[in-house]
């Protein structure tokens, strides 16, 4: 679920080599397009307790305002 309350479903896989990180696939491009994400934006996944396993997802964008770095939520 994102910060706006929308639920997203992503498919993923884990490579069989030495890279244990999951690679997002199905549904991910729709999320990126919907949020207007760009190179350099940050994504945070936070596990929500309970069953089934669920996560909160938050996208953040870096902006420079009056010479200060600020990270703001992407809605």
PDB file of N, CA and C in Angstrom:
ATOM      1  N   UNK A   1       0.846  -1.163   0.000  1.00  0.00           N
ATOM      2  CA  UNK A   1       0.000   0.000   0.000  1.00  0.00           C
ATOM      3  C   UNK A   1       0.900   1.236   0.000  1.00  0.00           C
ATOM      4  N   UNK A   2       0.530   2.229  -0.807  1.00  0.00           N
ATOM      5  CA  UNK A   2       1.330   3.446  -0.825  1.00  0.00           C
ATOM      6  C   UNK A   2       0.809   4.444   0.209  1.00  0.00           C
ATOM      7  N   UNK A   3       1.476   5.589   0.330  1.00  0.00           N
ATOM      8  CA  UNK A   3       1.101   6.573   1.349  1.00  0.00           C
ATOM      9  C   UNK A   3      -0.293   7.152   1.107  1.00  0.00           C
ATOM     10  N   UNK A   4      -0.809   7.024  -0.120  1.00  0.00           N
ATOM     11  CA  UNK A   4      -2.143   7.503  -0.427  1.00  0.00           C
ATOM     12  C   UNK A   4      -3.228   6.465  -0.187  1.00  0.00           C
ATOM     13  N   UNK A   5      -2.841   5.243   0.212  1.00  0.00           N
ATOM     14  CA  UNK A   5      -3.807   4.187   0.499  1.00  0.00           C
ATOM     15  C   UNK A   5      -4.074   3.248  -0.659  1.00  0.00           C
ATOM     16  N   UNK A   6      -3.448   3.453  -1.813  1.00  0.00           N
ATOM     17  CA  UNK A   6      -3.640   2.572  -2.963  1.00  0.00           C
ATOM     18  C   UNK A   6      -2.816   1.309  -2.778  1.00  0.00           C
ATOM     19  N   UNK A   7      -3.449   0.163  -3.035  1.00  0.00           N
ATOM     20  CA  UNK A   7      -2.731  -1.110  -2.944  1.00  0.00           C
ATOM     21  C   UNK A   7      -2.141  -1.461  -4.302  1.00  0.00           C
ATOM     22  N   UNK A   8      -0.908  -1.933  -4.285  1.00  0.00           N
ATOM     23  CA  UNK A   8      -0.177  -2.315  -5.484  1.00  0.00           C
ATOM     24  C   UNK A   8       0.274  -3.757  -5.342  1.00  0.00           C
ATOM     25  N   UNK A   9       0.276  -4.483  -6.447  1.00  0.00           N
ATOM     26  CA  UNK A   9       0.770  -5.859  -6.457  1.00  0.00           C
ATOM     27  C   UNK A   9       1.931  -5.928  -7.431  1.00  0.00           C
ATOM     28  N   UNK A  10       3.073  -6.403  -6.943  1.00  0.00           N
ATOM     29  CA  UNK A  10       4.269  -6.525  -7.765  1.00  0.00           C
ATOM     30  C   UNK A  10       4.674  -7.982  -7.847  1.00  0.00           C
ATOM     31  N   UNK A  11       5.077  -8.391  -9.038  1.00  0.00           N
ATOM     32  CA  UNK A  11       5.706  -9.692  -9.197  1.00  0.00           C
ATOM     33  C   UNK A  11       7.206  -9.499  -9.069  1.00  0.00           C
ATOM     34  N   UNK A  12       7.915 -10.514  -8.620  1.00  0.00           N
ATOM     35  CA  UNK A  12       9.361 -10.412  -8.482  1.00  0.00           C
ATOM     36  C   UNK A  12       9.996 -11.786  -8.636  1.00  0.00           C
ATOM     37  N   UNK A  13      11.304 -11.786  -8.824  1.00  0.00           N
ATOM     38  CA  UNK A  13      12.058 -13.025  -8.818  1.00  0.00           C
ATOM     39  C   UNK A  13      13.418 -12.755  -8.187  1.00  0.00           C
ATOM     40  N   UNK A  14      14.074 -13.814  -7.770  1.00  0.00           N
ATOM     41  CA  UNK A  14      15.410 -13.724  -7.187  1.00  0.00           C
ATOM     42  C   UNK A  14      16.341 -14.523  -8.090  1.00  0.00           C
ATOM     43  N   UNK A  15      17.421 -13.892  -8.516  1.00  0.00           N
ATOM     44  CA  UNK A  15      18.376 -14.567  -9.393  1.00  0.00           C
ATOM     45  C   UNK A  15      19.065 -15.707  -8.660  1.00  0.00           C
ATOM     46  N   UNK A  16      19.394 -16.743  -9.401  1.00  0.00           N
ATOM     47  CA  UNK A  16      20.025 -17.923  -8.811  1.00  0.00           C
ATOM     48  C   UNK A  16      21.523 -17.731  -8.560  1.00  0.00           C
ATOM     49  N   UNK A  17      22.085 -16.606  -9.007  1.00  0.00           N
ATOM     50  CA  UNK A  17      23.522 -16.393  -8.808  1.00  0.00           C
ATOM     51  C   UNK A  17      23.778 -15.794  -7.426  1.00  0.00           C
ATOM     52  N   UNK A  18      24.790 -14.999  -7.286  1.00  0.00           N
ATOM     53  CA  UNK A  18      25.183 -14.470  -5.978  1.00  0.00           C
ATOM     54  C   UNK A  18      24.430 -13.201  -5.569  1.00  0.00           C
ATOM     55  N   UNK A  19      23.447 -12.785  -6.319  1.00  0.00           N
ATOM     56  CA  UNK A  19      22.702 -11.574  -5.999  1.00  0.00           C
ATOM     57  C   UNK A  19      21.396 -11.948  -5.291  1.00  0.00           C
ATOM     58  N   UNK A  20      21.316 -11.801  -3.960  1.00  0.00           N
ATOM     59  CA  UNK A  20      20.122 -12.220  -3.228  1.00  0.00           C
ATOM     60  C   UNK A  20      18.970 -11.219  -3.294  1.00  0.00           C
ATOM     61  N   UNK A  21      19.161 -10.058  -3.930  1.00  0.00           N
ATOM     62  CA  UNK A  21      18.118  -9.037  -3.971  1.00  0.00           C
ATOM     63  C   UNK A  21      17.000  -9.430  -4.939  1.00  0.00           C
ATOM     64  N   UNK A  22      15.758  -9.239  -4.526  1.00  0.00           N
ATOM     65  CA  UNK A  22      14.656  -9.515  -5.455  1.00  0.00           C
ATOM     66  C   UNK A  22      14.621  -8.460  -6.559  1.00  0.00           C
ATOM     67  N   UNK A  23      14.193  -8.868  -7.730  1.00  0.00           N
ATOM     68  CA  UNK A  23      14.057  -7.971  -8.871  1.00  0.00           C
ATOM     69  C   UNK A  23      12.565  -7.832  -9.170  1.00  0.00           C
ATOM     70  N   UNK A  24      12.062  -6.600  -9.082  1.00  0.00           N
ATOM     71  CA  UNK A  24      10.640  -6.352  -9.309  1.00  0.00           C
ATOM     72  C   UNK A  24      10.321  -6.442 -10.787  1.00  0.00           C
ATOM     73  N   UNK A  25       9.151  -7.002 -11.098  1.00  0.00           N
ATOM     74  CA  UNK A  25       8.734  -7.168 -12.494  1.00  0.00           C
ATOM     75  C   UNK A  25       7.302  -6.702 -12.668  1.00  0.00           C
ATOM     76  N   UNK A  26       6.391  -7.625 -12.676  1.00  0.00           N
ATOM     77  CA  UNK A  26       4.999  -7.333 -12.996  1.00  0.00           C
ATOM     78  C   UNK A  26       4.414  -6.275 -12.066  1.00  0.00           C
ATOM     79  N   UNK A  27       3.786  -5.271 -12.632  1.00  0.00           N
ATOM     80  CA  UNK A  27       3.148  -4.220 -11.857  1.00  0.00           C
ATOM     81  C   UNK A  27       4.049  -3.057 -11.503  1.00  0.00           C
ATOM     82  N   UNK A  28       5.355  -3.279 -11.550  1.00  0.00           N
ATOM     83  CA  UNK A  28       6.301  -2.248 -11.154  1.00  0.00           C
ATOM     84  C   UNK A  28       6.272  -1.067 -12.113  1.00  0.00           C
ATOM     85  N   UNK A  29       6.232  -1.324 -13.420  1.00  0.00           N
ATOM     86  CA  UNK A  29       6.235  -0.249 -14.406  1.00  0.00           C
ATOM     87  C   UNK A  29       4.988   0.620 -14.284  1.00  0.00           C
ATOM     88  N   UNK A  30       3.860   0.016 -13.956  1.00  0.00           N
ATOM     89  CA  UNK A  30       2.630   0.783 -13.754  1.00  0.00           C
ATOM     90  C   UNK A  30       2.789   1.735 -12.564  1.00  0.00           C
ATOM     91  N   UNK A  31       3.382   1.260 -11.477  1.00  0.00           N
ATOM     92  CA  UNK A  31       3.624   2.101 -10.301  1.00  0.00           C
ATOM     93  C   UNK A  31       4.536   3.268 -10.664  1.00  0.00           C
ATOM     94  N   UNK A  32       5.633   2.979 -11.367  1.00  0.00           N
ATOM     95  CA  UNK A  32       6.591   4.011 -11.757  1.00  0.00           C
ATOM     96  C   UNK A  32       5.913   5.063 -12.621  1.00  0.00           C
ATOM     97  N   UNK A  33       5.114   4.627 -13.587  1.00  0.00           N
ATOM     98  CA  UNK A  33       4.419   5.559 -14.483  1.00  0.00           C
ATOM     99  C   UNK A  33       3.384   6.383 -13.724  1.00  0.00           C
ATOM    100  N   UNK A  34       2.608   5.731 -12.881  1.00  0.00           N
ATOM    101  CA  UNK A  34       1.557   6.415 -12.117  1.00  0.00           C
ATOM    102  C   UNK A  34       2.136   7.493 -11.199  1.00  0.00           C
ATOM    103  N   UNK A  35       3.269   7.209 -10.586  1.00  0.00           N
ATOM    104  CA  UNK A  35       3.899   8.148  -9.655  1.00  0.00           C
ATOM    105  C   UNK A  35       4.800   9.160 -10.364  1.00  0.00           C
ATOM    106  N   UNK A  36       5.079   8.934 -11.645  1.00  0.00           N
ATOM    107  CA  UNK A  36       5.964   9.838 -12.378  1.00  0.00           C
ATOM    108  C   UNK A  36       7.388   9.793 -11.865  1.00  0.00           C
ATOM    109  N   UNK A  37       7.830   8.606 -11.458  1.00  0.00           N
ATOM    110  CA  UNK A  37       9.165   8.477 -10.871  1.00  0.00           C
ATOM    111  C   UNK A  37      10.248   8.704 -11.910  1.00  0.00           C
ATOM    112  N   UNK A  38      11.363   9.226 -11.433  1.00  0.00           N
ATOM    113  CA  UNK A  38      12.501   9.542 -12.283  1.00  0.00           C
ATOM    114  C   UNK A  38      13.764   8.948 -11.676  1.00  0.00           C
ATOM    115  N   UNK A  39      14.810   8.861 -12.477  1.00  0.00           N
ATOM    116  CA  UNK A  39      16.109   8.390 -11.993  1.00  0.00           C
ATOM    117  C   UNK A  39      16.523   9.282 -10.828  1.00  0.00           C
ATOM    118  N   UNK A  40      16.958   8.665  -9.740  1.00  0.00           N
ATOM    119  CA  UNK A  40      17.380   9.411  -8.557  1.00  0.00           C
ATOM    120  C   UNK A  40      16.328   9.433  -7.456  1.00  0.00           C
ATOM    121  N   UNK A  41      15.052   9.159  -7.798  1.00  0.00           N
ATOM    122  CA  UNK A  41      14.023   9.062  -6.763  1.00  0.00           C
ATOM    123  C   UNK A  41      14.313   7.841  -5.902  1.00  0.00           C
ATOM    124  N   UNK A  42      13.846   7.869  -4.670  1.00  0.00           N
ATOM    125  CA  UNK A  42      14.077   6.760  -3.738  1.00  0.00           C
ATOM    126  C   UNK A  42      12.762   6.073  -3.404  1.00  0.00           C
ATOM    127  N   UNK A  43      12.852   4.766  -3.237  1.00  0.00           N
ATOM    128  CA  UNK A  43      11.689   3.955  -2.878  1.00  0.00           C
ATOM    129  C   UNK A  43      12.002   3.259  -1.561  1.00  0.00           C
ATOM    130  N   UNK A  44      11.033   3.266  -0.659  1.00  0.00           N
ATOM    131  CA  UNK A  44      11.220   2.593   0.628  1.00  0.00           C
ATOM    132  C   UNK A  44      10.083   1.593   0.819  1.00  0.00           C
ATOM    133  N   UNK A  45      10.459   0.349   1.111  1.00  0.00           N
ATOM    134  CA  UNK A  45       9.492  -0.687   1.455  1.00  0.00           C
ATOM    135  C   UNK A  45       9.591  -0.937   2.950  1.00  0.00           C
ATOM    136  N   UNK A  46       8.451  -0.963   3.627  1.00  0.00           N
ATOM    137  CA  UNK A  46       8.428  -1.233   5.059  1.00  0.00           C
ATOM    138  C   UNK A  46       7.421  -2.349   5.305  1.00  0.00           C
ATOM    139  N   UNK A  47       7.893  -3.427   5.893  1.00  0.00           N
ATOM    140  CA  UNK A  47       7.011  -4.567   6.150  1.00  0.00           C
ATOM    141  C   UNK A  47       5.981  -4.221   7.218  1.00  0.00           C
ATOM    142  N   UNK A  48       4.741  -4.615   6.967  1.00  0.00           N
ATOM    143  CA  UNK A  48       3.637  -4.419   7.907  1.00  0.00           C
ATOM    144  C   UNK A  48       3.429  -5.749   8.617  1.00  0.00           C
ATOM    145  N   UNK A  49       3.345  -5.702   9.940  1.00  0.00           N
ATOM    146  CA  UNK A  49       3.178  -6.949  10.696  1.00  0.00           C
ATOM    147  C   UNK A  49       1.848  -7.607  10.378  1.00  0.00           C
ATOM    148  N   UNK A  50       1.843  -8.925  10.454  1.00  0.00           N
ATOM    149  CA  UNK A  50       0.620  -9.682  10.226  1.00  0.00           C
ATOM    150  C   UNK A  50       0.781 -10.665   9.081  1.00  0.00           C
ATOM    151  N   UNK A  51      -0.322 -11.328   8.782  1.00  0.00           N
ATOM    152  CA  UNK A  51      -0.342 -12.304   7.703  1.00  0.00           C
ATOM    153  C   UNK A  51      -1.555 -12.019   6.845  1.00  0.00           C
ATOM    154  N   UNK A  52      -1.465 -12.035   5.536  1.00  0.00           N
ATOM    155  CA  UNK A  52      -0.281 -12.342   4.751  1.00  0.00           C
ATOM    156  C   UNK A  52       0.745 -11.217   4.818  1.00  0.00           C
ATOM    157  N   UNK A  53       1.953 -11.515   4.332  1.00  0.00           N
ATOM    158  CA  UNK A  53       3.029 -10.526   4.336  1.00  0.00           C
ATOM    159  C   UNK A  53       2.636  -9.368   3.426  1.00  0.00           C
ATOM    160  N   UNK A  54       2.726  -8.150   3.972  1.00  0.00           N
ATOM    161  CA  UNK A  54       2.377  -6.944   3.217  1.00  0.00           C
ATOM    162  C   UNK A  54       3.427  -5.881   3.510  1.00  0.00           C
ATOM    163  N   UNK A  55       3.510  -4.918   2.604  1.00  0.00           N
ATOM    164  CA  UNK A  55       4.490  -3.841   2.737  1.00  0.00           C
ATOM    165  C   UNK A  55       3.836  -2.496   2.464  1.00  0.00           C
ATOM    166  N   UNK A  56       4.361  -1.467   3.099  1.00  0.00           N
ATOM    167  CA  UNK A  56       4.046  -0.091   2.727  1.00  0.00           C
ATOM    168  C   UNK A  56       5.146   0.349   1.780  1.00  0.00           C
ATOM    169  N   UNK A  57       4.769   1.112   0.772  1.00  0.00           N
ATOM    170  CA  UNK A  57       5.755   1.607  -0.177  1.00  0.00           C
ATOM    171  C   UNK A  57       5.653   3.122  -0.227  1.00  0.00           C
ATOM    172  N   UNK A  58       6.792   3.767  -0.177  1.00  0.00           N
ATOM    173  CA  UNK A  58       6.821   5.231  -0.227  1.00  0.00           C
ATOM    174  C   UNK A  58       7.891   5.662  -1.228  1.00  0.00           C
ATOM    175  N   UNK A  59       7.515   6.579  -2.111  1.00  0.00           N
ATOM    176  CA  UNK A  59       8.460   7.139  -3.080  1.00  0.00           C
ATOM    177  C   UNK A  59       8.821   8.545  -2.625  1.00  0.00           C
ATOM    178  N   UNK A  60      10.097   8.870  -2.730  1.00  0.00           N
ATOM    179  CA  UNK A  60      10.571  10.195  -2.309  1.00  0.00           C
ATOM    180  C   UNK A  60      11.415  10.806  -3.416  1.00  0.00           C
ATOM    181  N   UNK A  61      11.300  12.119  -3.546  1.00  0.00           N
ATOM    182  CA  UNK A  61      12.038  12.852  -4.578  1.00  0.00           C
ATOM    183  C   UNK A  61      12.893  13.919  -3.921  1.00  0.00           C
ATOM    184  N   UNK A  62      14.125  14.036  -4.388  1.00  0.00           N
ATOM    185  CA  UNK A  62      15.074  15.032  -3.880  1.00  0.00           C
ATOM    186  C   UNK A  62      14.854  16.344  -4.622  1.00  0.00           C
ATOM    187  N   UNK A  63      14.723  17.402  -3.854  1.00  0.00           N
ATOM    188  CA  UNK A  63      14.659  18.736  -4.440  1.00  0.00           C
ATOM    189  C   UNK A  63      15.647  19.629  -3.706  1.00  0.00           C
ATOM    190  N   UNK A  64      16.110  20.647  -4.382  1.00  0.00           N
ATOM    191  CA  UNK A  64      16.987  21.637  -3.768  1.00  0.00           C
ATOM    192  C   UNK A  64      16.175  22.917  -3.648  1.00  0.00           C
ATOM    193  N   UNK A  65      16.026  23.406  -2.428  1.00  0.00           N
ATOM    194  CA  UNK A  65      15.244  24.606  -2.164  1.00  0.00           C
ATOM    195  C   UNK A  65      16.115  25.592  -1.392  1.00  0.00           C
ATOM    196  N   UNK A  66      16.385  26.708  -2.011  1.00  0.00           N
ATOM    197  CA  UNK A  66      17.230  27.739  -1.405  1.00  0.00           C
ATOM    198  C   UNK A  66      18.575  27.173  -0.947  1.00  0.00           C
ATOM    199  N   UNK A  67      19.102  26.246  -1.760  1.00  0.00           N
ATOM    200  CA  UNK A  67      20.403  25.671  -1.480  1.00  0.00           C
ATOM    201  C   UNK A  67      20.395  24.502  -0.511  1.00  0.00           C
ATOM    202  N   UNK A  68      19.222  24.119  -0.011  1.00  0.00           N
ATOM    203  CA  UNK A  68      19.121  22.995   0.925  1.00  0.00           C
ATOM    204  C   UNK A  68      18.501  21.786   0.237  1.00  0.00           C
ATOM    205  N   UNK A  69      19.051  20.611   0.550  1.00  0.00           N
ATOM    206  CA  UNK A  69      18.507  19.368   0.025  1.00  0.00           C
ATOM    207  C   UNK A  69      17.292  18.950   0.841  1.00  0.00           C
ATOM    208  N   UNK A  70      16.193  18.666   0.170  1.00  0.00           N
ATOM    209  CA  UNK A  70      14.953  18.243   0.834  1.00  0.00           C
ATOM    210  C   UNK A  70      14.427  17.011   0.092  1.00  0.00           C
ATOM    211  N   UNK A  71      14.003  16.011   0.847  1.00  0.00           N
ATOM    212  CA  UNK A  71      13.361  14.829   0.257  1.00  0.00           C
ATOM    213  C   UNK A  71      11.876  14.923   0.555  1.00  0.00           C
ATOM    214  N   UNK A  72      11.060  14.883  -0.483  1.00  0.00           N
ATOM    215  CA  UNK A  72       9.626  15.037  -0.343  1.00  0.00           C
ATOM    216  C   UNK A  72       8.903  13.791  -0.841  1.00  0.00           C
ATOM    217  N   UNK A  73       7.745  13.494  -0.283  1.00  0.00           N
ATOM    218  CA  UNK A  73       6.957  12.343  -0.712  1.00  0.00           C
ATOM    219  C   UNK A  73       6.390  12.579  -2.104  1.00  0.00           C
ATOM    220  N   UNK A  74       6.381  11.526  -2.908  1.00  0.00           N
ATOM    221  CA  UNK A  74       5.752  11.555  -4.229  1.00  0.00           C
ATOM    222  C   UNK A  74       4.370  10.971  -4.057  1.00  0.00           C
ATOM    223  N   UNK A  75       3.360  11.713  -4.416  1.00  0.00           N
ATOM    224  CA  UNK A  75       1.975  11.217  -4.278  1.00  0.00           C
ATOM    225  C   UNK A  75       1.559  10.567  -5.528  1.00  0.00           C
TER     226      UNK A  75
END
